[in-house]
Protein backbone atom coordinates (compact mmCIF):
# COMPACT_ATOMS: atom_id res chain seq x y z
CA MET A 1 0.00 0.00 0.00
CA LEU A 2 2.90 2.32 0.70
CA VAL A 3 4.13 1.85 -2.87
CA VAL A 4 0.68 2.75 -4.23
CA GLU A 5 0.68 5.89 -2.11
CA ALA A 6 4.20 6.78 -3.26
CA PHE A 7 3.30 6.48 -6.94
CA ALA A 8 0.06 8.40 -6.41
CA LEU A 9 1.97 11.27 -4.79
CA GLY A 10 4.50 11.25 -7.61
CA ALA A 11 1.73 11.37 -10.20
CA LEU A 12 0.01 14.15 -8.27
CA GLY A 13 3.23 16.15 -8.30
CA VAL A 14 3.57 15.74 -12.06
CA VAL A 15 -0.07 16.78 -12.59
CA VAL A 16 0.44 19.88 -10.43
CA HIS A 17 3.52 20.83 -12.45
CA VAL A 18 1.76 20.33 -15.78
CA LYS A 19 -1.25 22.36 -14.65
CA ALA A 20 1.06 25.08 -13.32
CA LEU A 21 2.94 25.33 -16.60
CA THR A 22 -0.06 25.08 -18.93
CA GLY A 23 -2.63 27.00 -16.88
CA SER A 24 -2.62 30.21 -14.96
CA PRO A 25 -2.26 29.37 -11.25
CA SER A 26 -2.75 32.12 -8.70
CA SER A 27 0.83 31.56 -7.58
CA LEU A 28 3.29 29.81 -9.87
CA VAL A 29 5.86 29.50 -7.09
CA PHE A 30 3.35 27.84 -4.76
CA ALA A 31 2.26 25.42 -7.49
CA VAL A 32 5.86 24.44 -8.29
CA VAL A 33 6.75 24.00 -4.61
CA ALA A 34 3.61 21.93 -3.98
CA GLY A 35 4.46 19.71 -6.94
CA LEU A 36 8.04 19.27 -5.76
CA MET A 37 6.85 18.42 -2.25
CA ALA A 38 4.45 15.78 -3.61
CA VAL A 39 7.14 14.19 -5.77
CA GLY A 40 9.69 14.35 -2.94
CA THR A 41 7.31 12.77 -0.44
CA GLY A 42 6.51 10.07 -2.98
CA VAL A 43 10.21 9.28 -3.37
CA VAL A 44 10.67 9.17 0.40
CA LEU A 45 7.68 6.82 0.76
CA LEU A 46 9.06 4.60 -2.00
CA VAL A 47 12.41 4.32 -0.22
CA LEU A 48 10.68 3.62 3.09
CA ALA A 49 8.46 0.97 1.46
CA ARG A 50 11.52 -0.77 0.06
CA THR A 51 13.22 -0.58 3.43
CA LEU A 52 10.20 -1.98 5.26
CA ARG A 53 10.01 -4.78 2.71
CA ARG A 54 13.55 -5.72 3.77
CA CYS A 55 12.37 -5.71 7.42
CA ARG A 56 14.59 -2.82 8.47
CA GLY A 57 13.20 -1.47 11.70
CA TRP A 58 14.50 2.07 11.32
CA ALA A 59 11.88 2.81 8.63
CA TYR A 60 9.01 2.04 11.02
CA VAL A 61 8.89 5.41 12.81
CA PRO A 62 9.18 7.65 9.70
CA VAL A 63 6.29 5.77 8.07
CA ILE A 64 4.20 6.14 11.22
CA VAL A 65 4.95 9.88 11.30
CA LEU A 66 4.16 10.42 7.61
CA GLN A 67 0.91 8.47 7.87
CA GLY A 68 0.04 10.41 11.02
CA LEU A 69 0.55 13.61 9.05
CA ALA A 70 -1.66 12.27 6.25
CA LEU A 71 -4.64 11.90 8.60
CA PRO A 72 -5.34 15.63 9.14
CA VAL A 73 -4.64 16.31 5.46
CA GLY A 74 -7.18 13.70 4.41
CA TYR A 75 -9.69 14.94 6.95
CA SER A 76 -9.35 18.56 5.89
CA LEU A 77 -9.71 17.61 2.24
CA ALA A 78 -12.71 15.39 2.85
CA ALA A 79 -14.69 17.05 5.63
CA GLU A 80 -13.71 20.69 5.53
CA ALA A 81 -13.14 21.24 1.81
CA GLY A 82 -15.81 18.76 0.73
CA LEU A 83 -13.42 16.92 -1.59
CA TRP A 84 -14.22 13.36 -0.52
CA GLN A 85 -12.83 11.96 -3.76
CA TYR A 86 -9.36 13.17 -2.69
CA GLY A 87 -9.54 13.08 1.09
CA GLY A 88 -11.27 9.69 1.31
CA PRO A 89 -8.46 7.66 -0.28
CA VAL A 90 -5.85 9.55 1.76
CA LEU A 91 -7.71 8.69 4.97
CA VAL A 92 -8.30 5.06 4.01
CA LEU A 93 -4.67 4.46 3.01
CA ALA A 94 -3.27 6.19 6.09
CA LEU A 95 -5.57 4.32 8.48
CA ALA A 96 -4.92 0.98 6.77
CA GLU A 97 -1.15 1.44 6.82
CA LEU A 98 -1.15 2.60 10.43
CA SER A 99 -3.27 -0.36 11.51
CA LEU A 100 -0.98 -2.79 9.70
CA LEU A 101 2.15 -1.25 11.20
CA VAL A 102 0.91 -1.35 14.80
CA MET A 103 -0.16 -4.98 14.63
CA PRO A 104 1.86 -7.15 17.04
CA SER A 105 3.27 -9.28 14.21
CA SER A 106 4.60 -6.19 12.39
CA ARG A 107 6.08 -4.74 15.56
CA ARG A 108 7.70 -8.07 16.38
CA VAL A 109 9.39 -8.31 12.96
CA LEU A 110 10.48 -4.67 12.89
CA SER A 111 11.68 -4.37 16.48
CA PRO A 112 15.42 -4.20 17.21
CA GLY A 113 17.03 -7.54 17.98
CA SER A 114 14.28 -9.64 16.45
CA GLY A 115 16.84 -11.96 14.86
CA ARG A 116 15.96 -11.35 11.22
C-alpha cells in the first residue's frame, strides 16, 4: 500500500507541475513548490516501502509519522473542503497502513534484535 501511495503522490506532483505550466495558477511558485513536495514525499515513501520490505526497523517510525501527518490532510480535504474523492483515499490508506504497522506481528518483525 505504501508503494501505491508513493506512486500516487509522484503522479500528483507531475499533474500539479503540468497544470502550473499550462494553466494560470494564482501563484506559480506555490504550485511548483507543492508539486516538488508531492514528488519528494513520494520518493521518500518509496524508499521507506523498500526498506520496510527488507524488514529494516528504522523505517518504522518515519512511516508512522508520515501516515500520522496524512490523517489531518485527508480529513481537511474530505470534511472541511468537501473533496471526498481526494480526502477519502488519503484517509483510508493512512488508516490501513497505520493499523498494519501497529499490529503485534509487524512490531515483532520490525523491532530491534528480532533476529531477522
